[in-house]
Amino acid sequence: MRTTPAILALALLFSTASLPGQEDPHAHHAAGVATPAPAATVPPLPPNEAIPPDADGAKAALAKSPRHGEWIDLPLADGTKLLTWVVYPESKARAGVVVVIHEIYGLTDWVRGVADQLAEDGFIALAPDLLSGLGPNGGGSEALGADVTKTIRTLTPEQVAARLDVVRAHALKLPAANGKSASVGYCWGGSMSFAYAVAQPKLDGAVVYYGSSPAEPAAYAKIAAPVLGFYGADDARVNATIPMAEAEMKELGKPFTAHLYEGAGHGFLRQQAGREGANRKAAEKAWAATLAFLRERLK
């Protein structure tokens, strides 16, 4: 396969998205198994139904959702079936498409909860399991269990771009879709959302939640869509990649806005009960800004 500049940018991004020797801020979570309860010193928060549920509330939120969600299998070029969760808004009008890119822990109930909230807010949301076919017996995130984080690092840049393209192409052909598309991703998925803006010039917008920016300056020249980023101020590893993105996008005259939330840490949308209320405050502000951005870009 011919290596393009966009693929090179993705490759460089993969090298920085999860650095060896650093403690994984979500190491106590594992895809495919129930999320552990918060520590006893951090009481659970009452849900704010205007934003996605946190990790502990996702299963209950999905169970009571009135929206139509369904599992579909999207065929890849190598014959693999890309398992994807699709949720539709309850609306008469055609809707914009949002591709939800999961964390390094694969496709979980929490990611599906985010997709469901996006549908409640008026979008067609598709959350693919990018680990489809890589688990035992051809399974994905759930089949991999504790091996999910190790396996996701074996995904090549070509695979990520190709899989997201398949999801986006399918979504844009849906009768209920209006022809506009954006990506939103979290942690590893946030890095991939930024990278997808590099690889897919027809994307209408990209949202990055606490994901690393592309490491290669030349990558930014490939971006056509506006990029919006949300970061916990207490997340130095990821935040160290923001200045290059700001400088390169500004020099190129391309829209990039980064929001940093004081007191919030990495993964604040998923861990809303953490950091003495700062994570919940960050989640509420970030979600409102996300909706404003998506409504403007996908109308």
Protein backbone atom coordinates (compact mmCIF):
# COMPACT_ATOMS: atom_id res chain seq x y z
CA MET A 1 0.00 0.00 0.00
CA ARG A 2 1.36 3.45 -0.92
CA THR A 3 2.21 5.53 2.17
CA THR A 4 0.59 8.97 2.02
CA PRO A 5 1.46 11.99 4.18
CA ALA A 6 -1.82 11.51 6.06
CA ILE A 7 -0.88 7.92 6.90
CA LEU A 8 2.57 9.08 8.03
CA ALA A 9 0.87 11.58 10.31
CA LEU A 10 -1.30 8.86 11.75
CA ALA A 11 1.75 6.68 12.34
CA LEU A 12 3.49 9.43 14.23
CA LEU A 13 0.37 10.08 16.27
CA PHE A 14 0.16 6.43 17.27
CA SER A 15 3.68 6.68 18.64
CA THR A 16 2.64 9.46 21.04
CA ALA A 17 -0.92 8.47 21.93
CA SER A 18 0.23 6.05 24.61
CA LEU A 19 3.82 6.50 25.71
CA PRO A 20 5.75 3.58 27.23
CA GLY A 21 6.67 3.93 30.85
CA GLN A 22 3.83 6.29 31.71
CA GLU A 23 1.05 5.28 34.03
CA ASP A 24 -2.20 4.80 32.14
CA PRO A 25 -4.71 7.19 33.76
CA HIS A 26 -7.51 4.68 33.13
CA ALA A 27 -5.58 1.52 34.04
CA HIS A 28 -8.27 0.42 36.49
CA HIS A 29 -10.81 0.10 33.67
CA ALA A 30 -11.03 -2.87 31.32
CA ALA A 31 -13.21 -3.19 28.25
CA GLY A 32 -15.54 -6.15 28.07
CA VAL A 33 -15.99 -6.35 31.83
CA ALA A 34 -18.03 -4.36 34.31
CA THR A 35 -16.52 -1.02 35.32
CA PRO A 36 -15.40 -1.10 38.96
CA ALA A 37 -17.32 1.08 41.40
CA PRO A 38 -15.65 4.34 42.42
CA ALA A 39 -13.47 4.39 45.52
CA ALA A 40 -15.38 4.74 48.76
CA THR A 41 -14.00 8.25 49.26
CA VAL A 42 -15.61 9.43 45.99
CA PRO A 43 -19.40 9.22 46.32
CA PRO A 44 -21.35 8.78 43.06
CA LEU A 45 -22.91 11.90 41.59
CA PRO A 46 -26.59 12.12 40.72
CA PRO A 47 -26.88 11.92 36.93
CA ASN A 48 -27.14 15.05 34.83
CA GLU A 49 -29.36 13.85 32.01
CA ALA A 50 -28.33 16.73 29.76
CA ILE A 51 -24.87 15.19 29.31
CA PRO A 52 -23.66 11.62 28.71
CA PRO A 53 -23.67 9.32 31.73
CA ASP A 54 -20.44 8.59 33.53
CA ALA A 55 -18.93 5.12 33.45
CA ASP A 56 -20.95 3.89 36.42
CA GLY A 57 -24.27 5.14 35.08
CA ALA A 58 -23.95 4.12 31.44
CA LYS A 59 -25.60 0.71 31.65
CA ALA A 60 -28.66 2.05 33.46
CA ALA A 61 -28.94 5.00 31.06
CA LEU A 62 -28.89 2.69 28.05
CA ALA A 63 -31.52 0.42 29.60
CA LYS A 64 -34.03 3.24 29.93
CA SER A 65 -33.27 5.04 26.67
CA PRO A 66 -36.35 5.46 24.43
CA ARG A 67 -34.24 5.86 21.31
CA HIS A 68 -33.76 3.27 18.60
CA GLY A 69 -30.32 1.74 18.80
CA GLU A 70 -29.13 -1.25 16.84
CA TRP A 71 -26.07 -3.36 16.14
CA ILE A 72 -24.89 -3.60 12.56
CA ASP A 73 -21.99 -5.38 10.85
CA LEU A 74 -20.15 -3.35 8.24
CA PRO A 75 -18.02 -5.38 5.79
CA LEU A 76 -14.35 -4.46 5.54
CA ALA A 77 -12.15 -5.13 2.53
CA ASP A 78 -10.49 -8.13 4.20
CA GLY A 79 -13.83 -9.78 4.99
CA THR A 80 -13.94 -8.70 8.65
CA LYS A 81 -17.28 -7.49 9.95
CA LEU A 82 -16.94 -4.16 11.73
CA LEU A 83 -19.37 -4.27 14.65
CA THR A 84 -21.01 -0.87 15.04
CA TRP A 85 -23.63 0.54 17.41
CA VAL A 86 -26.00 2.98 15.69
CA VAL A 87 -28.46 5.27 17.48
CA TYR A 88 -31.04 7.46 15.77
CA PRO A 89 -32.59 10.71 17.00
CA GLU A 90 -36.34 11.05 17.29
CA SER A 91 -36.78 13.70 14.62
CA LYS A 92 -38.71 14.37 11.42
CA ALA A 93 -35.76 16.12 9.81
CA ARG A 94 -32.66 14.50 8.40
CA ALA A 95 -29.75 14.61 10.80
CA GLY A 96 -26.01 15.06 10.76
CA VAL A 97 -23.78 12.04 11.38
CA VAL A 98 -21.32 11.74 14.26
CA VAL A 99 -18.77 8.92 14.35
CA VAL A 100 -17.89 8.18 17.99
CA ILE A 101 -14.34 6.88 18.44
CA HIS A 102 -13.83 4.84 21.58
CA GLU A 103 -11.06 4.98 24.15
CA ILE A 104 -8.10 2.65 24.34
CA TYR A 105 -10.46 0.28 26.19
CA GLY A 106 -12.49 -0.47 23.10
CA LEU A 107 -16.24 -0.29 22.63
CA THR A 108 -17.89 -0.21 26.08
CA ASP A 109 -21.30 0.62 27.52
CA TRP A 110 -19.94 4.06 28.33
CA VAL A 111 -19.09 4.79 24.69
CA ARG A 112 -22.53 3.55 23.67
CA GLY A 113 -23.98 5.89 26.30
CA VAL A 114 -22.19 8.80 24.66
CA ALA A 115 -23.65 7.78 21.29
CA ASP A 116 -27.13 7.57 22.81
CA GLN A 117 -26.78 11.09 24.25
CA LEU A 118 -25.71 12.41 20.86
CA ALA A 119 -28.86 10.87 19.37
CA GLU A 120 -30.96 12.51 22.08
CA ASP A 121 -29.34 15.79 21.08
CA GLY A 122 -30.34 15.35 17.45
CA PHE A 123 -27.60 13.44 15.64
CA ILE A 124 -27.23 10.00 14.09
CA ALA A 125 -24.43 8.49 16.16
CA LEU A 126 -22.33 5.51 15.12
CA ALA A 127 -19.85 3.91 17.54
CA PRO A 128 -17.72 1.27 15.80
CA ASP A 129 -15.73 -1.39 17.60
CA LEU A 130 -12.38 -0.72 15.96
CA LEU A 131 -11.09 -3.96 17.49
CA SER A 132 -13.57 -6.06 15.52
CA GLY A 133 -11.98 -9.27 14.29
CA LEU A 134 -8.91 -8.96 16.49
CA GLY A 135 -10.21 -10.93 19.45
CA PRO A 136 -10.63 -14.69 20.05
CA ASN A 137 -12.84 -16.37 17.46
CA GLY A 138 -12.99 -13.18 15.43
CA GLY A 139 -14.48 -11.13 18.27
CA GLY A 140 -13.68 -7.60 19.28
CA SER A 141 -13.49 -5.54 22.47
CA GLU A 142 -15.69 -7.80 24.58
CA ALA A 143 -13.89 -10.97 23.51
CA LEU A 144 -10.48 -9.44 24.22
CA GLY A 145 -11.26 -8.59 27.84
CA ALA A 146 -8.08 -7.65 29.70
CA ASP A 147 -6.04 -7.85 26.47
CA VAL A 148 -7.92 -4.98 24.85
CA THR A 149 -5.35 -2.25 25.57
CA LYS A 150 -2.48 -4.39 24.34
CA THR A 151 -4.35 -5.34 21.18
CA ILE A 152 -5.47 -1.85 20.25
CA ARG A 153 -1.83 -0.85 19.96
CA THR A 154 -1.44 -3.39 17.14
CA LEU A 155 -3.89 -1.51 14.94
CA THR A 156 -2.03 0.11 12.07
CA PRO A 157 -2.72 3.67 10.92
CA GLU A 158 -4.06 2.23 7.67
CA GLN A 159 -6.57 0.08 9.54
CA VAL A 160 -7.86 2.95 11.65
CA ALA A 161 -8.37 5.27 8.69
CA ALA A 162 -9.94 2.54 6.57
CA ARG A 163 -12.34 1.43 9.31
CA LEU A 164 -13.50 4.94 10.06
CA ASP A 165 -14.02 5.57 6.35
CA VAL A 166 -16.27 2.51 6.12
CA VAL A 167 -18.40 3.76 9.01
CA ARG A 168 -18.65 7.27 7.63
CA ALA A 169 -19.51 6.09 4.11
CA HIS A 170 -22.27 3.83 5.43
CA ALA A 171 -23.66 6.59 7.63
CA LEU A 172 -23.85 9.15 4.85
CA LYS A 173 -25.96 6.75 2.78
CA LEU A 174 -28.59 6.34 5.49
CA PRO A 175 -31.95 7.76 4.40
CA ALA A 176 -32.17 9.76 7.63
CA ALA A 177 -28.73 11.39 7.16
CA ASN A 178 -28.32 14.92 5.81
CA GLY A 179 -24.93 14.42 4.15
CA LYS A 180 -22.79 16.07 6.85
CA SER A 181 -20.38 14.20 9.15
CA ALA A 182 -18.09 14.76 12.11
CA SER A 183 -15.97 12.66 14.43
CA VAL A 184 -15.70 12.79 18.21
CA GLY A 185 -13.25 10.73 20.23
CA TYR A 186 -12.06 10.17 23.78
CA CYS A 187 -8.52 9.55 25.07
CA TRP A 188 -7.01 7.25 22.39
CA GLY A 189 -10.12 7.99 20.38
CA GLY A 190 -9.54 11.71 20.83
CA SER A 191 -6.13 11.32 19.23
CA MET A 192 -7.74 9.33 16.44
CA SER A 193 -10.41 12.00 15.93
CA PHE A 194 -7.69 14.60 15.34
CA ALA A 195 -5.85 12.15 13.09
CA TYR A 196 -9.02 11.42 11.14
CA ALA A 197 -9.32 15.12 10.33
CA VAL A 198 -5.88 14.71 8.76
CA ALA A 199 -6.79 11.57 6.81
CA GLN A 200 -10.34 12.47 5.70
CA PRO A 201 -10.53 15.89 4.01
CA LYS A 202 -14.31 15.66 3.54
CA LEU A 203 -15.01 15.57 7.26
CA ASP A 204 -17.11 18.54 8.37
CA GLY A 205 -15.71 18.73 11.91
CA ALA A 206 -13.61 16.89 14.47
CA VAL A 207 -13.97 16.94 18.27
CA VAL A 208 -11.09 15.84 20.49
CA TYR A 209 -11.58 14.95 24.14
CA TYR A 210 -8.21 14.76 25.96
CA GLY A 211 -6.40 13.20 23.01
CA SER A 212 -2.91 13.99 21.72
CA SER A 213 -2.46 16.29 18.74
CA PRO A 214 -0.56 15.15 15.62
CA ALA A 215 3.17 15.13 16.25
CA GLU A 216 4.28 15.97 12.72
CA PRO A 217 3.86 19.64 11.68
CA ALA A 218 3.20 18.66 8.07
CA ALA A 219 0.06 16.80 9.11
CA TYR A 220 -1.86 20.00 9.79
CA ALA A 221 -1.71 21.05 6.14
CA LYS A 222 -3.98 18.09 5.33
CA ILE A 223 -6.78 19.20 7.66
CA ALA A 224 -9.82 20.77 6.04
CA ALA A 225 -12.31 20.59 8.93
CA PRO A 226 -12.45 22.79 12.04
CA VAL A 227 -11.13 21.01 15.14
CA LEU A 228 -12.40 21.53 18.69
CA GLY A 229 -10.48 20.18 21.70
CA PHE A 230 -11.35 19.68 25.37
CA TYR A 231 -8.69 19.00 28.00
CA GLY A 232 -8.37 18.68 31.75
CA ALA A 233 -5.82 21.22 32.96
CA ASP A 234 -4.22 18.53 35.13
CA ASP A 235 -3.26 16.35 32.15
CA ALA A 236 0.25 17.50 31.31
CA ARG A 237 1.11 14.55 29.03
CA VAL A 238 -1.68 15.29 26.58
CA ASN A 239 -1.68 19.05 27.02
CA ALA A 240 1.98 19.25 26.02
CA THR A 241 0.83 18.48 22.46
CA ILE A 242 -1.62 21.40 22.27
CA PRO A 243 0.82 24.29 21.53
CA MET A 244 2.03 22.76 18.25
CA ALA A 245 -1.56 22.25 17.11
CA GLU A 246 -2.46 25.83 17.99
CA ALA A 247 0.60 27.25 16.26
CA GLU A 248 0.34 25.15 13.10
CA MET A 249 -3.40 25.64 12.67
CA LYS A 250 -3.08 29.40 13.25
CA GLU A 251 -0.26 29.71 10.73
CA LEU A 252 -2.36 27.81 8.18
CA GLY A 253 -5.46 29.87 8.91
CA LYS A 254 -7.43 26.81 10.04
CA PRO A 255 -9.87 26.77 12.98
CA PHE A 256 -8.68 25.02 16.13
CA THR A 257 -10.02 25.87 19.57
CA ALA A 258 -8.68 24.25 22.74
CA HIS A 259 -10.59 24.45 26.03
CA LEU A 260 -8.71 23.65 29.25
CA TYR A 261 -10.68 23.12 32.45
CA GLU A 262 -8.98 23.95 35.72
CA GLY A 263 -8.88 21.18 38.28
CA ALA A 264 -10.11 18.54 35.83
CA GLY A 265 -8.06 15.49 34.95
CA HIS A 266 -7.77 13.12 32.03
CA GLY A 267 -11.01 11.34 31.20
CA PHE A 268 -13.24 13.87 32.92
CA LEU A 269 -16.36 13.04 30.89
CA ARG A 270 -16.16 9.39 31.91
CA GLN A 271 -15.08 10.00 35.52
CA GLN A 272 -17.45 12.80 36.45
CA ALA A 273 -17.35 12.11 40.20
CA GLY A 274 -13.61 12.70 40.39
CA ARG A 275 -11.46 15.65 41.38
CA GLU A 276 -13.83 17.28 43.87
CA GLY A 277 -16.39 18.37 41.33
CA ALA A 278 -14.00 19.71 38.72
CA ASN A 279 -14.57 16.79 36.37
CA ARG A 280 -18.36 17.23 36.41
CA LYS A 281 -18.04 20.97 35.79
CA ALA A 282 -15.68 20.30 32.89
CA ALA A 283 -18.03 17.66 31.46
CA GLU A 284 -21.00 20.01 31.53
CA LYS A 285 -19.13 22.88 29.88
CA ALA A 286 -17.47 20.66 27.29
CA TRP A 287 -20.70 18.94 26.30
CA ALA A 288 -22.52 22.24 25.79
CA ALA A 289 -19.67 23.46 23.58
CA THR A 290 -19.61 20.15 21.70
CA LEU A 291 -23.30 20.44 20.83
CA ALA A 292 -22.93 24.05 19.70
CA PHE A 293 -20.02 23.05 17.44
CA LEU A 294 -21.77 20.02 15.96
CA ARG A 295 -25.02 21.88 15.36
CA GLU A 296 -23.15 24.59 13.50
CA ARG A 297 -21.02 22.20 11.43
CA LEU A 298 -23.69 19.58 10.65
CA LYS A 299 -26.76 21.72 9.98
